Amino acid sequence: MFQIDHLGIAVKSLAAAKSIYEKLGLSVSPEEIVEQEKVRLVMVPLGESRLELLEATSDDSTIAKFITKHGEGLHHVCMRVPDLAVAVAKLKSDGVRLVSNEIKTGAGGHRYVFVHPQSTAGVLLELVEGH
């Protein structure tokens, strides 16, 4: 089933950003680092979806560059798909531009791929396999 998995939010300070959600009484996952993306993150569950707060661990990370260019805020929308390999193969065969042609493994061991904003009306779209 296709559905929103999470919204990725770029933040300068994970500690400062997560505090508003904690003040609202929401649970926040333990911090996790994804080395290949050079980010530290937490997840904030919201019903069947989540917010992913992303802090750069390096000045050359995608999140650091995003914040320099756009400031803090919505970075990407993540959609859960039933079969990631099938979805990626279909997008490639239809000429859709992906940020990377390889499926990667990220936070929580989830497999993911990003679809380039040029193919999605300006929105960075992450696809993850249903779980």
N, C-alpha and C. Protein backbone atom coordinates (compact mmCIF):
# COMPACT_ATOMS: atom_id res chain seq x y z
N MET A 1 0.84 -1.18 0.00
CA MET A 1 0.00 0.00 0.00
C MET A 1 0.89 1.24 0.00
N PHE A 2 0.55 2.20 -0.82
CA PHE A 2 1.28 3.46 -0.88
C PHE A 2 0.74 4.39 0.20
N GLN A 3 1.66 5.02 0.93
CA GLN A 3 1.25 6.02 1.91
C GLN A 3 2.45 6.87 2.30
N ILE A 4 2.18 8.00 2.96
CA ILE A 4 3.26 8.85 3.44
C ILE A 4 3.94 8.14 4.59
N ASP A 5 5.25 7.91 4.49
CA ASP A 5 6.02 7.31 5.56
C ASP A 5 6.46 8.39 6.54
N HIS A 6 7.06 9.46 6.00
CA HIS A 6 7.49 10.57 6.86
C HIS A 6 7.74 11.83 6.05
N LEU A 7 7.85 12.94 6.77
CA LEU A 7 8.28 14.21 6.20
C LEU A 7 9.64 14.51 6.79
N GLY A 8 10.63 14.76 5.94
CA GLY A 8 11.98 15.06 6.39
C GLY A 8 12.16 16.55 6.58
N ILE A 9 12.59 16.97 7.76
CA ILE A 9 12.74 18.39 8.09
C ILE A 9 14.20 18.67 8.43
N ALA A 10 14.81 19.57 7.68
CA ALA A 10 16.20 19.97 7.92
C ALA A 10 16.25 20.97 9.07
N VAL A 11 17.11 20.68 10.06
CA VAL A 11 17.23 21.56 11.24
C VAL A 11 18.70 21.85 11.52
N LYS A 12 18.94 23.01 12.12
CA LYS A 12 20.31 23.36 12.52
C LYS A 12 20.70 22.63 13.79
N SER A 13 19.75 22.50 14.72
CA SER A 13 20.02 21.86 16.01
C SER A 13 18.93 20.84 16.30
N LEU A 14 19.32 19.60 16.34
CA LEU A 14 18.38 18.53 16.65
C LEU A 14 17.79 18.71 18.05
N ALA A 15 18.64 19.07 19.01
CA ALA A 15 18.17 19.26 20.40
C ALA A 15 17.10 20.34 20.47
N ALA A 16 17.33 21.46 19.80
CA ALA A 16 16.36 22.55 19.83
C ALA A 16 15.08 22.18 19.07
N ALA A 17 15.23 21.54 17.93
CA ALA A 17 14.08 21.22 17.09
C ALA A 17 13.17 20.18 17.74
N LYS A 18 13.74 19.17 18.37
CA LYS A 18 12.90 18.12 18.93
C LYS A 18 12.18 18.57 20.20
N SER A 19 12.65 19.63 20.83
CA SER A 19 12.05 20.06 22.10
C SER A 19 10.59 20.48 21.94
N ILE A 20 10.22 21.09 20.84
CA ILE A 20 8.82 21.51 20.65
C ILE A 20 7.90 20.31 20.62
N TYR A 21 8.35 19.22 20.01
CA TYR A 21 7.52 18.02 19.92
C TYR A 21 7.42 17.33 21.29
N GLU A 22 8.51 17.36 22.04
CA GLU A 22 8.49 16.81 23.40
C GLU A 22 7.57 17.63 24.29
N LYS A 23 7.58 18.96 24.11
CA LYS A 23 6.70 19.83 24.90
C LYS A 23 5.23 19.56 24.59
N LEU A 24 4.96 19.10 23.37
CA LEU A 24 3.59 18.74 22.99
C LEU A 24 3.19 17.36 23.52
N GLY A 25 4.15 16.67 24.14
CA GLY A 25 3.86 15.36 24.71
C GLY A 25 4.09 14.20 23.75
N LEU A 26 4.72 14.49 22.61
CA LEU A 26 4.99 13.42 21.64
C LEU A 26 6.28 12.69 22.00
N SER A 27 6.35 11.43 21.63
CA SER A 27 7.58 10.68 21.86
C SER A 27 8.56 10.97 20.73
N VAL A 28 9.82 10.96 21.06
CA VAL A 28 10.88 11.20 20.08
C VAL A 28 11.84 10.01 20.17
N SER A 29 12.18 9.43 19.02
CA SER A 29 13.07 8.27 19.02
C SER A 29 14.47 8.66 19.47
N PRO A 30 15.26 7.68 19.88
CA PRO A 30 16.67 7.97 20.17
C PRO A 30 17.37 8.48 18.90
N GLU A 31 18.40 9.28 19.09
CA GLU A 31 19.15 9.80 17.93
C GLU A 31 19.84 8.65 17.21
N GLU A 32 19.91 8.81 15.90
CA GLU A 32 20.58 7.83 15.04
C GLU A 32 21.44 8.61 14.05
N ILE A 33 22.58 8.06 13.68
CA ILE A 33 23.45 8.68 12.68
C ILE A 33 23.46 7.80 11.44
N VAL A 34 23.28 8.45 10.29
CA VAL A 34 23.40 7.76 9.00
C VAL A 34 24.67 8.31 8.36
N GLU A 35 25.75 7.54 8.47
CA GLU A 35 27.08 8.00 8.03
C GLU A 35 27.10 8.42 6.57
N GLN A 36 26.52 7.58 5.66
CA GLN A 36 26.65 7.89 4.23
C GLN A 36 25.92 9.18 3.84
N GLU A 37 24.91 9.57 4.64
CA GLU A 37 24.19 10.82 4.36
C GLU A 37 24.72 11.98 5.20
N LYS A 38 25.62 11.68 6.14
CA LYS A 38 26.22 12.68 7.02
C LYS A 38 25.16 13.46 7.79
N VAL A 39 24.26 12.68 8.41
CA VAL A 39 23.19 13.28 9.21
C VAL A 39 22.99 12.54 10.53
N ARG A 40 22.48 13.29 11.49
CA ARG A 40 21.99 12.76 12.76
C ARG A 40 20.49 13.02 12.71
N LEU A 41 19.70 12.07 13.19
CA LEU A 41 18.25 12.24 13.07
C LEU A 41 17.49 11.64 14.24
N VAL A 42 16.27 12.09 14.37
CA VAL A 42 15.28 11.47 15.25
C VAL A 42 13.98 11.38 14.48
N MET A 43 13.14 10.46 14.90
CA MET A 43 11.81 10.31 14.32
C MET A 43 10.77 10.67 15.38
N VAL A 44 9.73 11.35 14.94
CA VAL A 44 8.62 11.72 15.81
C VAL A 44 7.37 11.06 15.22
N PRO A 45 6.89 9.98 15.84
CA PRO A 45 5.71 9.30 15.32
C PRO A 45 4.46 10.18 15.40
N LEU A 46 3.68 10.15 14.32
CA LEU A 46 2.41 10.88 14.25
C LEU A 46 1.39 9.97 13.56
N GLY A 47 0.67 9.20 14.33
CA GLY A 47 -0.28 8.26 13.74
C GLY A 47 0.46 7.23 12.90
N GLU A 48 0.06 7.08 11.65
CA GLU A 48 0.72 6.12 10.76
C GLU A 48 1.92 6.71 10.04
N SER A 49 2.23 7.97 10.29
CA SER A 49 3.35 8.65 9.64
C SER A 49 4.30 9.16 10.73
N ARG A 50 5.35 9.84 10.27
CA ARG A 50 6.34 10.37 11.22
C ARG A 50 6.93 11.66 10.68
N LEU A 51 7.54 12.42 11.56
CA LEU A 51 8.41 13.53 11.17
C LEU A 51 9.83 13.05 11.39
N GLU A 52 10.70 13.33 10.44
CA GLU A 52 12.12 12.99 10.57
C GLU A 52 12.88 14.31 10.67
N LEU A 53 13.49 14.55 11.83
CA LEU A 53 14.28 15.76 12.02
C LEU A 53 15.72 15.43 11.70
N LEU A 54 16.32 16.19 10.78
CA LEU A 54 17.65 15.91 10.25
C LEU A 54 18.62 17.04 10.54
N GLU A 55 19.73 16.71 11.20
CA GLU A 55 20.79 17.67 11.49
C GLU A 55 22.06 17.20 10.78
N ALA A 56 22.74 18.09 10.10
CA ALA A 56 23.99 17.75 9.40
C ALA A 56 25.09 17.41 10.39
N THR A 57 25.90 16.41 10.05
CA THR A 57 27.07 16.09 10.86
C THR A 57 28.35 16.58 10.19
N SER A 58 28.20 17.19 9.01
CA SER A 58 29.34 17.69 8.25
C SER A 58 28.88 18.88 7.40
N ASP A 59 29.76 19.83 7.20
CA ASP A 59 29.42 21.01 6.38
C ASP A 59 29.18 20.66 4.92
N ASP A 60 29.65 19.49 4.47
CA ASP A 60 29.45 19.12 3.07
C ASP A 60 28.29 18.13 2.88
N SER A 61 27.47 17.96 3.91
CA SER A 61 26.31 17.07 3.78
C SER A 61 25.20 17.76 3.00
N THR A 62 24.31 16.96 2.46
CA THR A 62 23.16 17.48 1.72
C THR A 62 22.32 18.38 2.60
N ILE A 63 22.14 18.00 3.86
CA ILE A 63 21.31 18.80 4.77
C ILE A 63 21.97 20.15 5.06
N ALA A 64 23.29 20.17 5.28
CA ALA A 64 23.99 21.45 5.51
C ALA A 64 23.86 22.36 4.30
N LYS A 65 24.02 21.80 3.12
CA LYS A 65 23.89 22.60 1.89
C LYS A 65 22.47 23.12 1.73
N PHE A 66 21.48 22.28 2.05
CA PHE A 66 20.08 22.69 1.96
C PHE A 66 19.82 23.87 2.89
N ILE A 67 20.27 23.77 4.14
CA ILE A 67 20.04 24.83 5.12
C ILE A 67 20.74 26.12 4.69
N THR A 68 21.95 26.02 4.15
CA THR A 68 22.66 27.21 3.67
C THR A 68 21.87 27.91 2.56
N LYS A 69 21.28 27.13 1.67
CA LYS A 69 20.56 27.68 0.52
C LYS A 69 19.12 28.10 0.87
N HIS A 70 18.41 27.29 1.66
CA HIS A 70 16.98 27.51 1.88
C HIS A 70 16.60 27.81 3.33
N GLY A 71 17.52 27.59 4.26
CA GLY A 71 17.18 27.70 5.68
C GLY A 71 16.55 26.41 6.16
N GLU A 72 16.22 26.39 7.43
CA GLU A 72 15.59 25.20 8.01
C GLU A 72 14.19 25.02 7.41
N GLY A 73 13.74 23.76 7.39
CA GLY A 73 12.38 23.52 6.91
C GLY A 73 12.23 22.20 6.20
N LEU A 74 11.09 22.05 5.54
CA LEU A 74 10.76 20.80 4.85
C LEU A 74 11.81 20.48 3.80
N HIS A 75 12.43 19.33 3.92
CA HIS A 75 13.47 18.89 3.00
C HIS A 75 12.94 17.89 1.98
N HIS A 76 12.15 16.91 2.45
CA HIS A 76 11.63 15.91 1.53
C HIS A 76 10.36 15.27 2.06
N VAL A 77 9.64 14.64 1.14
CA VAL A 77 8.47 13.84 1.45
C VAL A 77 8.84 12.40 1.16
N CYS A 78 8.56 11.51 2.09
CA CYS A 78 8.88 10.10 1.92
C CYS A 78 7.61 9.27 1.80
N MET A 79 7.55 8.49 0.74
CA MET A 79 6.40 7.65 0.47
C MET A 79 6.79 6.18 0.59
N ARG A 80 5.97 5.42 1.27
CA ARG A 80 6.18 3.98 1.42
C ARG A 80 5.57 3.27 0.21
N VAL A 81 6.33 2.37 -0.39
CA VAL A 81 5.86 1.61 -1.55
C VAL A 81 5.93 0.11 -1.21
N PRO A 82 5.08 -0.70 -1.83
CA PRO A 82 5.06 -2.13 -1.50
C PRO A 82 6.34 -2.87 -1.88
N ASP A 83 6.94 -2.52 -3.02
CA ASP A 83 8.14 -3.21 -3.49
C ASP A 83 9.07 -2.16 -4.11
N LEU A 84 10.11 -1.80 -3.38
CA LEU A 84 10.99 -0.72 -3.80
C LEU A 84 11.71 -1.04 -5.11
N ALA A 85 12.20 -2.25 -5.26
CA ALA A 85 12.92 -2.63 -6.48
C ALA A 85 12.02 -2.51 -7.70
N VAL A 86 10.78 -2.94 -7.59
CA VAL A 86 9.83 -2.84 -8.70
C VAL A 86 9.55 -1.37 -9.01
N ALA A 87 9.33 -0.56 -7.97
CA ALA A 87 9.05 0.87 -8.18
C ALA A 87 10.22 1.57 -8.87
N VAL A 88 11.44 1.28 -8.42
CA VAL A 88 12.63 1.90 -9.01
C VAL A 88 12.80 1.46 -10.46
N ALA A 89 12.62 0.20 -10.76
CA ALA A 89 12.74 -0.31 -12.13
C ALA A 89 11.71 0.38 -13.04
N LYS A 90 10.48 0.53 -12.55
CA LYS A 90 9.43 1.18 -13.33
C LYS A 90 9.78 2.64 -13.59
N LEU A 91 10.25 3.35 -12.57
CA LEU A 91 10.61 4.76 -12.75
C LEU A 91 11.75 4.90 -13.75
N LYS A 92 12.77 4.05 -13.63
CA LYS A 92 13.90 4.11 -14.56
C LYS A 92 13.44 3.84 -15.99
N SER A 93 12.58 2.84 -16.17
CA SER A 93 12.12 2.51 -17.53
C SER A 93 11.26 3.61 -18.12
N ASP A 94 10.63 4.40 -17.24
CA ASP A 94 9.81 5.52 -17.71
C ASP A 94 10.61 6.81 -17.84
N GLY A 95 11.94 6.74 -17.61
CA GLY A 95 12.80 7.90 -17.78
C GLY A 95 12.76 8.90 -16.65
N VAL A 96 12.29 8.50 -15.48
CA VAL A 96 12.24 9.38 -14.32
C VAL A 96 13.66 9.52 -13.76
N ARG A 97 14.03 10.75 -13.42
CA ARG A 97 15.37 11.00 -12.91
C ARG A 97 15.43 10.70 -11.42
N LEU A 98 16.39 9.86 -11.03
CA LEU A 98 16.63 9.54 -9.63
C LEU A 98 17.88 10.28 -9.17
N VAL A 99 17.97 10.59 -7.88
CA VAL A 99 19.16 11.24 -7.34
C VAL A 99 20.33 10.26 -7.41
N SER A 100 20.07 9.00 -7.13
CA SER A 100 21.07 7.94 -7.22
C SER A 100 20.38 6.72 -7.81
N ASN A 101 21.04 6.01 -8.69
CA ASN A 101 20.43 4.84 -9.30
C ASN A 101 20.47 3.61 -8.41
N GLU A 102 21.17 3.69 -7.28
CA GLU A 102 21.24 2.53 -6.40
C GLU A 102 20.34 2.70 -5.19
N ILE A 103 19.75 1.59 -4.76
CA ILE A 103 18.95 1.58 -3.54
C ILE A 103 19.92 1.52 -2.38
N LYS A 104 19.72 2.40 -1.40
CA LYS A 104 20.61 2.48 -0.24
C LYS A 104 19.89 2.01 1.01
N THR A 105 20.66 1.78 2.07
CA THR A 105 20.09 1.41 3.37
C THR A 105 20.38 2.54 4.34
N GLY A 106 19.33 3.00 5.03
CA GLY A 106 19.49 4.14 5.92
C GLY A 106 18.99 3.87 7.33
N ALA A 107 18.42 4.89 7.93
CA ALA A 107 17.97 4.84 9.32
C ALA A 107 17.03 3.66 9.54
N GLY A 108 17.24 2.95 10.64
CA GLY A 108 16.39 1.82 10.97
C GLY A 108 16.54 0.64 10.03
N GLY A 109 17.56 0.67 9.17
CA GLY A 109 17.76 -0.41 8.22
C GLY A 109 16.84 -0.38 7.02
N HIS A 110 16.13 0.73 6.84
CA HIS A 110 15.19 0.84 5.72
C HIS A 110 15.93 1.08 4.40
N ARG A 111 15.46 0.41 3.37
CA ARG A 111 16.01 0.61 2.01
C ARG A 111 15.27 1.79 1.39
N TYR A 112 16.04 2.65 0.70
CA TYR A 112 15.43 3.87 0.16
C TYR A 112 16.11 4.31 -1.13
N VAL A 113 15.42 5.19 -1.84
CA VAL A 113 15.96 5.87 -3.01
C VAL A 113 15.27 7.23 -3.09
N PHE A 114 15.98 8.23 -3.61
CA PHE A 114 15.40 9.56 -3.79
C PHE A 114 15.11 9.81 -5.27
N VAL A 115 13.94 10.38 -5.54
CA VAL A 115 13.56 10.80 -6.89
C VAL A 115 13.88 12.28 -6.99
N HIS A 116 14.58 12.66 -8.06
CA HIS A 116 15.03 14.04 -8.24
C HIS A 116 13.85 15.01 -8.36
N PRO A 117 13.96 16.19 -7.75
CA PRO A 117 12.88 17.19 -7.83
C PRO A 117 12.50 17.59 -9.25
N GLN A 118 13.41 17.44 -10.21
CA GLN A 118 13.06 17.76 -11.60
C GLN A 118 11.97 16.85 -12.14
N SER A 119 11.82 15.68 -11.54
CA SER A 119 10.80 14.73 -11.99
C SER A 119 9.53 14.76 -11.14
N THR A 120 9.51 15.60 -10.11
CA THR A 120 8.38 15.58 -9.16
C THR A 120 7.82 16.97 -8.86
N ALA A 121 7.85 17.85 -9.84
CA ALA A 121 7.32 19.21 -9.67
C ALA A 121 8.01 19.96 -8.53
N GLY A 122 9.32 19.73 -8.37
CA GLY A 122 10.10 20.49 -7.42
C GLY A 122 10.19 19.93 -6.01
N VAL A 123 9.62 18.76 -5.77
CA VAL A 123 9.65 18.16 -4.44
C VAL A 123 10.64 17.00 -4.43
N LEU A 124 11.56 16.98 -3.47
CA LEU A 124 12.45 15.83 -3.32
C LEU A 124 11.60 14.71 -2.71
N LEU A 125 11.48 13.62 -3.44
CA LEU A 125 10.64 12.50 -3.02
C LEU A 125 11.52 11.31 -2.68
N GLU A 126 11.37 10.82 -1.47
CA GLU A 126 12.08 9.61 -1.04
C GLU A 126 11.10 8.45 -1.09
N LEU A 127 11.55 7.33 -1.60
CA LEU A 127 10.73 6.12 -1.60
C LEU A 127 11.38 5.11 -0.66
N VAL A 128 10.58 4.50 0.21
CA VAL A 128 11.07 3.43 1.09
C VAL A 128 10.15 2.23 0.91
N GLU A 129 10.73 1.06 1.16
CA GLU A 129 9.95 -0.16 1.04
C GLU A 129 9.03 -0.28 2.25
N GLY A 130 7.79 -0.71 2.00
CA GLY A 130 6.80 -0.88 3.06
C GLY A 130 7.32 -1.74 4.19
N HIS A 131 6.93 -1.42 5.38
CA HIS A 131 7.37 -2.17 6.56
C HIS A 131 6.24 -2.29 7.55
